[in-house]
Structure formats: structure tokens, C-alpha cells
Amino acid sequence: MNMPKIFLSFLFLLVTAHSGFAQEDTNKVNRLKEQSLRYARDNRPDPGIKAGLECLALAEKLKWRKGIAAGNYCVATNYMFKSDYPQALKYSLNQLKEDDAGDRRELYVGYRNAGLIYSLLHQYQKSLTYYFSALKMAEALGDGDEIARAKGNISICYEDIGDYDMAKEYLAAALHDDKLMGGRAFDNTSSEYLSPPAYEFKVLKIKQRLEALKVLEESTDDAGHVYKDPLDSIKNRESLLRAAIYNEYEKKKAAARTEAERQQLTKEQEDKQKQLSAFFAQKAEKDSILLQYNEAKARSKLDSTNKVNEAERTRLEEDRKRQAQINEANLKTTRTYSYAAVTVACLLSIIVFITIFAYRQNRRDNLLIKKLVNEQEHIIEQRTKELGESNERLAHANKKLVELVQYNAHRMREPLTRVMGAMAMLEYTTPEEFCKEITPEIQRAVGDLDNSIMQVITLADESIEQFSK
């Protein structure tokens, strides 16, 4: 009556223990992550790298993708603080491969750090690719400060390339976003996202450029003209030169003695004014041509950047597909191991069940024998012959019990040994080979074990029946 309860309790304890161990392992991954980032904040990258690698190794053992992304993020961040950019880039890219499983805010920092590293390595096109991805993620997160910082990073990258028009455009956008956030985006580095020293240098450089732009917007000439645009500056300079020529010849006319001299000065003044107009007209035409050239160049660079970005996105998509295939294979392997573990647990439960059943059966037989012996003691003198026959039946029953035990030791051990041998092949075969070649053998062995158990029950029933006659 109690055997099903015992069996279910055993399975419940097995499942509960497995769940508890898994939860404890994930908690340990999170503790190692926090410890590694704490070392980074304290500018102690070496122990931070060690803790991050332990976090990554445990997450890979658990096949927990979110933990794997977190481990790569911790190691990359500590390598950034150590200024070991090639290693930092390696772990940052590994983190980004888990972009559909990791924390979104940590993923944003991963894209930002990858862009920063490529910029420090003078690979500006790749840097722009990751900076633009970081900008999109900052916009998705709704973080205005990080949006301004991301645009500032893009501006600096365009400046390093030599595309000053795009640099100016993104710098103006960063200034606009900074004003929307109350001017705090570049006052200090992010308090929420851990920033390495190289990124702090970028933020400082952006702040200096914004301040320089502000000074340029407020600059004036001697006549009080405000130069907010280079074209306005050219117009103002033409007006000043015309005024200077006019003042110069008015003074000369006032000093002239004859009308002929004044007319000559008037003619010279008109000639100089015409030369000045022709010069600025020619300059305007050249500036227009140069502006068109720069616009065409900017469009060409933007098209080139977009092509590079598209190629990089294609590569990342292929990497994600490969990673998805690897994860699917790992999942199949995990399922195979789980099925094997459940099979072993069921076999062990069956063995325990049979052992307990045999023990209880033997115990009942012993009680029955004791009862018969007590009854025979009262009538020993009258039923000596019957007692002898009872002793013979008892000896025969004991012989049957011995045969039953020997049967258990040999016939049931053989299929169980086959199952254990097949399970040992797990680490030498692939999941597909195991399912195709080994699983049928396990099924046959389990079938043989089931037949042996049924024969044991049949022999036990025959023994009890013979003994009861």
C-alpha cells in the first residue's frame, strides 16, 4: 500500500534537489558578476578579470545564455580598465553574440565599448557601425544623456575620419540633446553604466568641443557683427571692405585741390569697387562649387558607411544564426542527458521497489513459519509425523527462496549491466549516434529486465502457493 507513496516521494526529492542546485548555481553567477563589476569600479581589473572568468565558466557549464553574456561583459569591462583593448574587444564581441538573451542595458554598454575600442584601434568604419547600434539602443532605452553621449562619440569618429561636415552635424545634434537634458550629459560620465578611462576621455573631449562651439557662436568682429555662419562672415567682410574703400577715397577727395583730381579719384574708387565685387563673386562661385563637392563627398562617404554597416549587420546576423544552431545542438544534447538521467532514476526506483517487496514477502513468510511452529509445540506428541512433513515443506520453501535470491542476483543483474554499459557510451558518442545506436539497446535491456521482474513475481507466487498447500 505504501510503495507508490515511497516511489513518488523519491522522485519528488530528486526533482527538488535538482531545482535547488540549479537555482544556487544561477545565484552564484550573479554574485560573481557583481563582484567583478565592483572590482572594475575600484579600478582593480586583475581580480575583476578573475571573477569575471569564473562567472563565465560557470554560466557556460549551466548553458545559461544570459549568464554567458553577463560574464563576457564583466571580463570585457575589466580589460577596458586595464587598457588591454584587443582582449576587451574579444569579450565584447562574444557578449554581443548573445544579444537576444543578455541584459539590454549591459548590451548597450557592450556596443558602446566595441565602438570605442575600434576607434582606439583606428578602425573607424567598424567604430561607426557599433556607435550607431549603441545610439539605437540608447534611444530604445529612452536615456537622453546616453543619446547625447552617443552622438558626441559619432561626431569625434567622423572628425577622426576627416568628414568634418558629418562631425559638425552630429556635434550640433549632441549639443541640442544636451540642452534638452539640462546640460548635464557631459558634466560627468554615466553613473548608471560603468565607464572605462578611455570613454571618460571621449566625454571630456566632446565637452571641450561643445564649449568651443559655444564660444564660436558668440564671437563678434570689430563692427559688432555676430558670425553664426561662415557665409554670414563673408558677407560682413565684403561690406566692411566696401566701407573702408569708401572712407579712404572720401578722405583723398577732401584733400584734392582740383576737380580733375577728384574725378580721377572717383574713377579709381569705382574701379576698386568693381574689382572687389568681381573678387567676391568669383569667391562665392568657388565656395558654391566647393560646397557641392563636399556635399557629394559626404554623400559618397555616407553611402560607403552604409554599405559597411550593411555588411557588418549581415555578418552579425550570420553569427547569430550560427550561435542559434549551436544553442539548438546544445539543447538537444541536454535533453538527451536529461532523458538518460530520468531513465537511470526510474531503474534505480524499480530496483528499490523490488528489494523492499522481497523483504516484506520474506518477512511475512517468517511470521507464518513462527506461527506454525508455535501451533506444533502444543500438539507435538500427537502430530509428530505431520511436523516432519511441515519441516520438509519448510525446507523446500527455503530452497525456493534461495533460488529466487540467486535468480535476482544473476538474471536481473545482466540487463541492468547492459544498461549501465550503454550509458557509459554517452561521453564517447554524439547525441545522434547515441539515439540511433545505443537507445535501442537500452530499450531491449529494459525489456529483458521487465521480463525478469515478471518471472521473479511468478516464482514468488508459485513458492507461496506450494508452501500454502
Protein backbone atom coordinates (compact mmCIF):
# COMPACT_ATOMS: atom_id res chain seq x y z
CA MET A 1 0.00 0.00 0.00
CA ASN A 2 2.83 2.46 0.83
CA MET A 3 5.09 1.59 -2.12
CA PRO A 4 3.60 4.15 -4.60
CA LYS A 5 3.95 6.85 -1.96
CA ILE A 6 7.59 5.92 -1.37
CA PHE A 7 8.29 5.93 -5.12
CA LEU A 8 6.63 9.33 -5.66
CA SER A 9 8.45 10.79 -2.66
CA PHE A 10 11.76 9.59 -4.06
CA LEU A 11 11.07 11.23 -7.44
CA PHE A 12 9.90 14.45 -5.75
CA LEU A 13 13.09 14.67 -3.71
CA LEU A 14 15.17 14.06 -6.86
CA VAL A 15 13.43 16.86 -8.81
CA THR A 16 13.50 19.27 -5.85
CA ALA A 17 17.21 18.70 -5.28
CA HIS A 18 17.97 19.28 -8.97
CA SER A 19 15.95 22.56 -9.00
CA GLY A 20 17.64 23.74 -5.81
CA PHE A 21 21.12 23.08 -7.21
CA ALA A 22 20.27 24.94 -10.46
CA GLN A 23 18.93 27.97 -8.54
CA GLU A 24 22.01 28.05 -6.33
CA ASP A 25 24.28 27.95 -9.41
CA THR A 26 22.49 30.89 -11.08
CA ASN A 27 22.70 32.89 -7.85
CA LYS A 28 26.44 32.20 -7.77
CA VAL A 29 26.78 33.50 -11.35
CA ASN A 30 25.05 36.76 -10.32
CA ARG A 31 27.27 37.12 -7.24
CA LEU A 32 30.43 36.66 -9.33
CA LYS A 33 29.15 39.24 -11.82
CA GLU A 34 28.54 41.84 -9.09
CA GLN A 35 31.95 41.11 -7.57
CA SER A 36 33.72 41.54 -10.94
CA LEU A 37 31.99 44.87 -11.67
CA ARG A 38 32.76 46.07 -8.15
CA TYR A 39 36.46 45.41 -8.78
CA ALA A 40 36.17 47.42 -12.02
CA ARG A 41 34.63 50.37 -10.17
CA ASP A 42 37.51 50.23 -7.69
CA ASN A 43 39.95 50.21 -10.66
CA ARG A 44 41.26 46.74 -9.74
CA PRO A 45 40.99 44.97 -13.11
CA ASP A 46 43.11 41.88 -12.37
CA PRO A 47 40.85 40.38 -9.64
CA GLY A 48 37.89 41.67 -11.65
CA ILE A 49 39.02 39.64 -14.67
CA LYS A 50 39.46 36.55 -12.49
CA ALA A 51 35.96 36.86 -11.01
CA GLY A 52 34.51 37.53 -14.49
CA LEU A 53 36.15 34.41 -15.95
CA GLU A 54 34.76 32.31 -13.07
CA CYS A 55 31.31 33.79 -13.76
CA LEU A 56 31.66 32.99 -17.48
CA ALA A 57 32.88 29.41 -16.88
CA LEU A 58 30.00 28.60 -14.51
CA ALA A 59 27.42 30.12 -16.89
CA GLU A 60 28.81 28.08 -19.81
CA LYS A 61 28.65 24.93 -17.68
CA LEU A 62 24.97 25.68 -16.94
CA LYS A 63 24.38 26.62 -20.63
CA TRP A 64 22.70 29.79 -19.31
CA ARG A 65 22.92 32.33 -22.16
CA LYS A 66 22.06 35.38 -20.07
CA GLY A 67 24.80 34.43 -17.61
CA ILE A 68 27.25 33.88 -20.51
CA ALA A 69 26.51 37.41 -21.81
CA ALA A 70 26.98 38.85 -18.31
CA GLY A 71 30.32 37.01 -17.86
CA ASN A 72 31.67 38.31 -21.17
CA TYR A 73 30.51 41.84 -20.25
CA CYS A 74 32.36 41.71 -16.91
CA VAL A 75 35.61 40.43 -18.43
CA ALA A 76 35.48 42.98 -21.29
CA THR A 77 34.84 45.88 -18.88
CA ASN A 78 37.80 44.94 -16.67
CA TYR A 79 40.09 44.59 -19.71
CA MET A 80 38.95 48.09 -20.76
CA PHE A 81 40.03 49.45 -17.38
CA LYS A 82 43.32 47.61 -17.84
CA SER A 83 43.73 49.25 -21.30
CA ASP A 84 44.10 45.81 -22.91
CA TYR A 85 41.87 46.67 -25.85
CA PRO A 86 42.34 43.54 -28.05
CA GLN A 87 41.20 41.28 -25.18
CA ALA A 88 38.40 43.69 -24.30
CA LEU A 89 37.22 43.64 -27.92
CA LYS A 90 37.24 39.82 -27.97
CA TYR A 91 34.94 39.50 -24.96
CA SER A 92 32.75 42.45 -26.04
CA LEU A 93 32.05 40.74 -29.37
CA ASN A 94 31.32 37.46 -27.54
CA GLN A 95 28.83 39.37 -25.38
CA LEU A 96 27.10 40.86 -28.42
CA LYS A 97 26.57 37.37 -29.89
CA GLU A 98 24.12 36.78 -27.02
CA ASP A 99 22.19 39.98 -27.83
CA ASP A 100 18.78 38.28 -27.64
CA ALA A 101 19.44 36.84 -24.16
CA GLY A 102 21.51 39.38 -22.17
CA ASP A 103 20.52 42.46 -20.17
CA ARG A 104 19.55 45.33 -22.53
CA ARG A 105 21.46 47.98 -20.60
CA GLU A 106 24.60 45.86 -20.43
CA LEU A 107 24.18 45.17 -24.14
CA TYR A 108 24.10 48.94 -24.82
CA VAL A 109 27.41 49.35 -22.97
CA GLY A 110 28.80 46.40 -24.97
CA TYR A 111 28.04 48.13 -28.28
CA ARG A 112 29.42 51.42 -26.95
CA ASN A 113 32.63 49.80 -25.74
CA ALA A 114 33.09 47.92 -29.04
CA GLY A 115 32.79 51.22 -30.92
CA LEU A 116 35.26 52.86 -28.56
CA ILE A 117 37.81 50.05 -28.94
CA TYR A 118 37.59 50.09 -32.74
CA SER A 119 38.07 53.87 -32.61
CA LEU A 120 41.17 53.49 -30.42
CA LEU A 121 42.45 50.87 -32.89
CA HIS A 122 41.84 53.37 -35.76
CA GLN A 123 39.23 51.15 -37.42
CA TYR A 124 36.75 53.98 -37.76
CA GLN A 125 34.19 52.37 -40.10
CA LYS A 126 33.65 49.48 -37.66
CA SER A 127 33.62 52.01 -34.83
CA LEU A 128 30.79 53.90 -36.54
CA THR A 129 28.83 50.66 -37.01
CA TYR A 130 28.85 49.89 -33.29
CA TYR A 131 28.36 53.55 -32.28
CA PHE A 132 25.21 53.72 -34.41
CA SER A 133 23.98 50.45 -32.82
CA ALA A 134 24.66 51.94 -29.37
CA LEU A 135 22.71 55.08 -30.37
CA LYS A 136 19.70 52.98 -31.40
CA MET A 137 19.80 51.08 -28.10
CA ALA A 138 20.12 54.32 -26.09
CA GLU A 139 17.04 55.63 -27.93
CA ALA A 140 15.19 52.37 -27.22
CA LEU A 141 16.11 52.69 -23.53
CA GLY A 142 14.93 56.33 -23.54
CA ASP A 143 18.14 57.58 -21.87
CA GLY A 144 18.63 61.19 -23.04
CA ASP A 145 22.09 61.59 -21.50
CA GLU A 146 23.40 58.49 -23.27
CA ILE A 147 21.79 59.57 -26.55
CA ALA A 148 23.75 62.85 -26.36
CA ARG A 149 26.97 61.00 -25.48
CA ALA A 150 26.47 58.50 -28.34
CA LYS A 151 26.05 61.34 -30.86
CA GLY A 152 29.15 63.01 -29.45
CA ASN A 153 31.12 59.78 -29.97
CA ILE A 154 29.91 59.60 -33.58
CA SER A 155 30.98 63.23 -34.09
CA ILE A 156 34.50 62.51 -32.86
CA CYS A 157 34.72 59.41 -35.06
CA TYR A 158 33.71 61.41 -38.16
CA GLU A 159 36.29 64.02 -37.17
CA ASP A 160 38.99 61.33 -37.00
CA ILE A 161 37.96 60.14 -40.47
CA GLY A 162 38.17 63.68 -41.82
CA ASP A 163 34.47 64.11 -42.62
CA TYR A 164 34.07 67.44 -40.85
CA ASP A 165 30.58 68.15 -42.20
CA MET A 166 29.16 64.99 -40.61
CA ALA A 167 31.22 65.69 -37.49
CA LYS A 168 29.67 69.16 -37.22
CA GLU A 169 26.17 67.77 -37.83
CA TYR A 170 26.39 65.18 -35.04
CA LEU A 171 28.13 67.63 -32.72
CA ALA A 172 25.24 70.07 -33.18
CA ALA A 173 22.78 67.21 -32.50
CA ALA A 174 24.71 66.27 -29.35
CA LEU A 175 24.61 69.91 -28.20
CA HIS A 176 20.84 70.04 -28.84
CA ASP A 177 20.20 66.83 -26.88
CA ASP A 178 22.46 68.03 -24.09
CA LYS A 179 20.40 71.23 -23.77
CA LEU A 180 17.20 69.16 -23.63
CA MET A 181 18.68 67.21 -20.69
CA GLY A 182 19.56 70.40 -18.83
CA GLY A 183 23.21 70.45 -19.90
CA ARG A 184 24.21 67.54 -17.66
CA ALA A 185 25.08 64.89 -20.27
CA PHE A 186 28.76 65.90 -20.46
CA ASP A 187 29.26 67.19 -16.93
CA ASN A 188 30.47 63.73 -15.88
CA THR A 189 30.44 60.16 -17.04
CA SER A 190 27.43 57.92 -16.64
CA SER A 191 26.71 56.84 -13.09
CA GLU A 192 24.47 54.01 -14.25
CA TYR A 193 26.73 52.50 -16.92
CA LEU A 194 30.26 51.61 -15.89
CA SER A 195 32.70 53.71 -17.97
CA PRO A 196 36.39 52.90 -18.55
CA PRO A 197 39.00 55.74 -18.53
CA ALA A 198 39.15 55.81 -22.35
CA TYR A 199 35.44 56.58 -22.50
CA GLU A 200 35.82 59.32 -19.88
CA PHE A 201 38.45 60.87 -22.16
CA LYS A 202 35.95 60.79 -25.03
CA VAL A 203 33.33 62.52 -22.87
CA LEU A 204 35.85 65.19 -21.85
CA LYS A 205 36.83 65.80 -25.49
CA ILE A 206 33.17 66.15 -26.51
CA LYS A 207 32.60 68.63 -23.69
CA GLN A 208 35.59 70.72 -24.82
CA ARG A 209 34.32 70.74 -28.41
CA LEU A 210 30.85 71.81 -27.28
CA GLU A 211 32.35 74.65 -25.26
CA ALA A 212 34.47 75.71 -28.27
CA LEU A 213 31.38 75.68 -30.48
CA LYS A 214 29.55 77.84 -27.95
CA VAL A 215 32.42 80.36 -27.95
CA LEU A 216 32.45 80.37 -31.77
CA GLU A 217 28.74 81.09 -31.89
CA GLU A 218 29.19 84.08 -29.59
CA SER A 219 32.25 85.58 -31.35
CA THR A 220 31.97 89.05 -32.99
CA ASP A 221 34.08 91.37 -35.17
CA ASP A 222 35.05 94.97 -34.56
CA ALA A 223 31.83 96.27 -36.14
CA GLY A 224 29.69 94.14 -33.79
CA HIS A 225 28.61 91.59 -36.42
CA VAL A 226 27.78 88.16 -34.96
CA TYR A 227 29.32 85.32 -37.02
CA LYS A 228 27.00 82.36 -36.51
CA ASP A 229 27.55 81.12 -40.04
CA PRO A 230 30.66 81.24 -42.29
CA LEU A 231 28.56 82.65 -45.17
CA ASP A 232 27.38 85.50 -42.93
CA SER A 233 31.03 86.18 -42.07
CA ILE A 234 31.93 86.50 -45.77
CA LYS A 235 29.07 88.95 -46.40
CA ASN A 236 30.11 91.03 -43.41
CA ARG A 237 33.73 91.16 -44.60
CA GLU A 238 32.62 92.35 -48.08
CA SER A 239 30.56 95.15 -46.51
CA LEU A 240 33.47 96.22 -44.29
CA LEU A 241 35.90 96.33 -47.22
CA ARG A 242 33.48 98.43 -49.27
CA ALA A 243 33.10 100.82 -46.33
CA ALA A 244 36.89 101.01 -45.93
CA ILE A 245 37.39 101.84 -49.65
CA TYR A 246 34.68 104.48 -49.46
CA ASN A 247 36.20 106.12 -46.36
CA GLU A 248 39.70 106.06 -47.89
CA TYR A 249 38.67 107.82 -51.13
CA GLU A 250 36.42 110.30 -49.36
CA LYS A 251 39.46 111.44 -47.39
CA LYS A 252 41.51 111.68 -50.61
CA LYS A 253 38.76 113.67 -52.38
CA ALA A 254 38.57 116.09 -49.49
CA ALA A 255 42.33 116.70 -49.78
CA ALA A 256 42.28 117.06 -53.58
CA ARG A 257 42.94 120.56 -54.97
CA THR A 258 41.33 120.33 -58.40
CA GLU A 259 38.18 118.88 -59.85
CA ALA A 260 40.21 116.72 -62.21
CA GLU A 261 41.96 115.05 -59.29
CA ARG A 262 38.60 114.41 -57.62
CA GLN A 263 37.20 112.86 -60.79
CA GLN A 264 40.31 110.68 -61.12
CA LEU A 265 39.90 109.51 -57.52
CA THR A 266 36.20 108.79 -58.15
CA LYS A 267 37.14 106.66 -61.16
CA GLU A 268 39.78 104.75 -59.12
CA GLN A 269 37.20 104.22 -56.37
CA GLU A 270 34.69 102.78 -58.84
CA ASP A 271 37.37 100.52 -60.36
CA LYS A 272 38.32 99.17 -56.92
CA GLN A 273 34.67 98.61 -56.05
CA LYS A 274 34.21 96.66 -59.30
CA GLN A 275 37.37 94.61 -58.57
CA LEU A 276 36.08 93.92 -55.06
CA SER A 277 32.67 92.82 -56.41
CA ALA A 278 34.31 90.61 -59.03
CA PHE A 279 36.57 89.03 -56.39
CA PHE A 280 33.70 88.17 -54.04
CA ALA A 281 31.54 86.97 -56.93
CA GLN A 282 34.34 84.65 -58.01
CA LYS A 283 34.85 83.57 -54.40
CA ALA A 284 31.14 82.85 -53.99
CA GLU A 285 31.21 80.74 -57.16
CA LYS A 286 34.24 78.81 -55.90
CA ASP A 287 32.64 78.35 -52.48
CA SER A 288 29.46 77.08 -54.15
CA ILE A 289 31.46 74.57 -56.19
CA LEU A 290 33.42 73.53 -53.08
CA LEU A 291 30.20 73.16 -51.12
CA GLN A 292 28.71 70.94 -53.84
CA TYR A 293 31.91 68.90 -53.88
CA ASN A 294 31.87 68.49 -50.09
CA GLU A 295 28.21 67.50 -50.19
CA ALA A 296 28.91 64.91 -52.87
CA LYS A 297 31.89 63.68 -50.88
CA ALA A 298 29.80 63.45 -47.71
CA ARG A 299 27.08 61.53 -49.57
CA SER A 300 29.71 59.20 -51.00
CA LYS A 301 31.19 58.59 -47.56
CA LEU A 302 27.75 58.08 -46.10
CA ASP A 303 26.91 55.56 -48.83
CA SER A 304 30.20 53.80 -48.16
CA THR A 305 29.49 53.81 -44.43
CA ASN A 306 26.01 52.44 -45.03
CA LYS A 307 27.44 49.66 -47.19
CA VAL A 308 29.95 48.80 -44.49
CA ASN A 309 27.20 48.92 -41.88
CA GLU A 310 25.04 46.62 -44.00
CA ALA A 311 27.93 44.18 -44.42
CA GLU A 312 28.59 44.28 -40.68
CA ARG A 313 24.91 43.72 -39.93
CA THR A 314 24.90 40.78 -42.35
CA ARG A 315 27.94 39.32 -40.62
CA LEU A 316 26.34 39.77 -37.18
CA GLU A 317 23.15 38.12 -38.46
CA GLU A 318 25.16 35.15 -39.72
CA ASP A 319 26.94 34.95 -36.37
CA ARG A 320 23.59 34.97 -34.60
CA LYS A 321 22.29 32.19 -36.83
CA ARG A 322 25.40 30.08 -36.19
CA GLN A 323 25.04 30.70 -32.48
CA ALA A 324 21.37 29.70 -32.65
CA GLN A 325 22.35 26.44 -34.35
CA ILE A 326 24.97 25.78 -31.68
CA ASN A 327 22.43 26.51 -28.94
CA GLU A 328 19.93 24.17 -30.58
CA ALA A 329 22.53 21.39 -30.68
CA ASN A 330 23.39 22.04 -27.03
CA LEU A 331 19.70 21.90 -26.16
CA LYS A 332 19.34 18.53 -27.88
CA THR A 333 22.37 17.22 -26.00
CA THR A 334 20.94 18.49 -22.72
CA ARG A 335 17.63 16.80 -23.43
CA THR A 336 19.39 13.53 -24.22
CA TYR A 337 21.30 13.70 -20.94
CA SER A 338 18.07 14.53 -19.10
CA TYR A 339 16.25 11.56 -20.63
CA ALA A 340 19.16 9.29 -19.72
CA ALA A 341 19.18 10.61 -16.14
CA VAL A 342 15.42 10.03 -15.82
CA THR A 343 15.83 6.51 -17.19
CA VAL A 344 18.54 5.70 -14.65
CA ALA A 345 16.44 7.20 -11.85
CA CYS A 346 13.47 5.06 -12.88
CA LEU A 347 15.61 1.91 -12.96
CA LEU A 348 17.00 2.66 -9.52
CA SER A 349 13.47 3.23 -8.23
CA ILE A 350 12.37 -0.11 -9.68
CA ILE A 351 15.30 -1.87 -8.01
CA VAL A 352 14.44 -0.26 -4.66
CA PHE A 353 10.80 -1.25 -5.12
CA ILE A 354 11.69 -4.89 -5.86
CA THR A 355 14.10 -5.07 -2.93
CA ILE A 356 11.51 -3.76 -0.49
CA PHE A 357 8.88 -6.09 -1.92
CA ALA A 358 11.14 -9.13 -1.49
CA TYR A 359 12.00 -8.07 2.05
CA ARG A 360 8.34 -7.69 3.02
CA GLN A 361 7.48 -11.04 1.40
CA ASN A 362 10.26 -12.80 3.28
CA ARG A 363 9.16 -11.16 6.49
CA ARG A 364 5.57 -12.39 6.04
CA ASP A 365 6.86 -15.91 5.34
CA ASN A 366 8.95 -15.88 8.53
CA LEU A 367 5.95 -14.77 10.60
CA LEU A 368 3.86 -17.54 9.12
CA ILE A 369 6.60 -20.10 9.94
CA LYS A 370 6.78 -18.88 13.52
CA LYS A 371 3.02 -19.23 13.85
CA LEU A 372 3.11 -22.80 12.58
CA VAL A 373 5.96 -23.69 14.95
CA ASN A 374 4.01 -22.34 17.93
CA GLU A 375 0.96 -24.37 16.99
CA GLN A 376 3.06 -27.52 16.56
CA GLU A 377 4.55 -27.12 20.03
CA HIS A 378 1.09 -27.65 21.57
CA ILE A 379 0.37 -30.84 19.65
CA ILE A 380 3.96 -32.15 19.27
CA GLU A 381 3.15 -35.51 20.73
CA GLN A 382 0.04 -36.12 18.60
CA ARG A 383 1.34 -34.83 15.26
CA THR A 384 4.99 -35.86 15.04
CA LYS A 385 4.55 -37.16 11.55
CA GLU A 386 2.76 -34.01 10.39
CA LEU A 387 5.55 -31.94 11.91
CA GLY A 388 8.10 -33.85 9.84
CA GLU A 389 6.15 -33.16 6.66
CA SER A 390 5.86 -29.50 7.67
CA ASN A 391 9.62 -29.35 8.16
CA GLU A 392 10.12 -30.82 4.69
CA ARG A 393 7.80 -28.22 3.19
CA LEU A 394 9.65 -25.54 5.12
CA ALA A 395 12.99 -26.77 3.77
CA HIS A 396 11.54 -26.83 0.25
CA ALA A 397 10.24 -23.26 0.69
CA ASN A 398 13.63 -22.09 1.91
CA LYS A 399 15.22 -23.73 -1.13
CA LYS A 400 12.82 -21.88 -3.38
CA LEU A 401 13.65 -18.63 -1.61
CA VAL A 402 17.36 -19.27 -2.14
CA GLU A 403 16.70 -19.98 -5.83
CA LEU A 404 14.70 -16.76 -6.01
CA VAL A 405 17.58 -14.77 -4.48
CA GLN A 406 20.08 -16.39 -6.86
CA TYR A 407 17.77 -15.63 -9.77
CA ASN A 408 17.67 -11.98 -8.70
CA ALA A 409 21.46 -11.85 -8.46
CA HIS A 410 22.08 -13.18 -11.99
CA ARG A 411 19.10 -12.75 -14.30
CA MET A 412 18.23 -9.20 -13.15
CA ARG A 413 21.85 -8.03 -12.89
CA GLU A 414 22.61 -8.93 -16.52
CA PRO A 415 20.17 -6.47 -18.28
CA LEU A 416 20.96 -3.79 -15.70
CA THR A 417 24.68 -4.18 -16.50
CA ARG A 418 23.85 -3.77 -20.21
CA VAL A 419 22.03 -0.51 -19.44
CA MET A 420 24.96 0.79 -17.39
CA GLY A 421 27.39 -0.11 -20.17
CA ALA A 422 25.26 1.66 -22.73
CA MET A 423 25.08 4.77 -20.55
CA ALA A 424 28.88 4.79 -20.33
CA MET A 425 28.96 5.35 -24.11
CA LEU A 426 27.41 8.82 -23.67
CA GLU A 427 30.74 10.62 -23.46
CA TYR A 428 32.20 8.75 -26.48
CA THR A 429 29.33 9.29 -28.95
CA THR A 430 27.40 12.20 -30.36
CA PRO A 431 23.73 12.67 -29.40
CA GLU A 432 22.64 11.47 -32.87
CA GLU A 433 24.76 8.29 -32.70
CA PHE A 434 23.60 7.65 -29.16
CA CYS A 435 19.92 7.93 -30.11
CA LYS A 436 20.37 5.82 -33.24
CA GLU A 437 22.61 3.02 -31.98
CA ILE A 438 22.61 2.92 -28.15
CA THR A 439 18.99 3.80 -27.32
CA PRO A 440 17.57 0.59 -28.97
CA GLU A 441 19.99 -1.49 -26.89
CA ILE A 442 18.79 0.27 -23.73
CA GLN A 443 15.17 -0.42 -24.70
CA ARG A 444 15.93 -4.14 -25.23
CA ALA A 445 17.76 -4.31 -21.90
CA VAL A 446 14.86 -2.63 -20.11
CA GLY A 447 12.51 -5.12 -21.78
CA ASP A 448 14.65 -8.03 -20.56
CA LEU A 449 14.67 -6.52 -17.08
CA ASP A 450 10.88 -6.25 -17.15
CA ASN A 451 10.59 -9.95 -18.20
CA SER A 452 12.96 -10.94 -15.38
CA ILE A 453 10.87 -9.00 -12.86
CA MET A 454 7.70 -10.73 -14.06
CA GLN A 455 9.40 -14.14 -13.73
CA VAL A 456 10.51 -13.22 -10.20
CA ILE A 457 6.93 -12.37 -9.26
CA THR A 458 5.69 -15.62 -10.87
CA LEU A 459 8.26 -17.74 -8.96
CA ALA A 460 7.39 -15.95 -5.74
CA ASP A 461 3.68 -16.63 -6.27
CA GLU A 462 4.39 -20.33 -7.03
CA SER A 463 6.54 -20.64 -3.93
CA ILE A 464 3.83 -19.14 -1.76
CA GLU A 465 1.19 -21.38 -3.37
CA GLN A 466 3.25 -24.53 -2.87
CA PHE A 467 4.00 -23.61 0.70
CA SER A 468 0.34 -22.93 1.49
CA LYS A 469 -0.77 -26.47 0.47
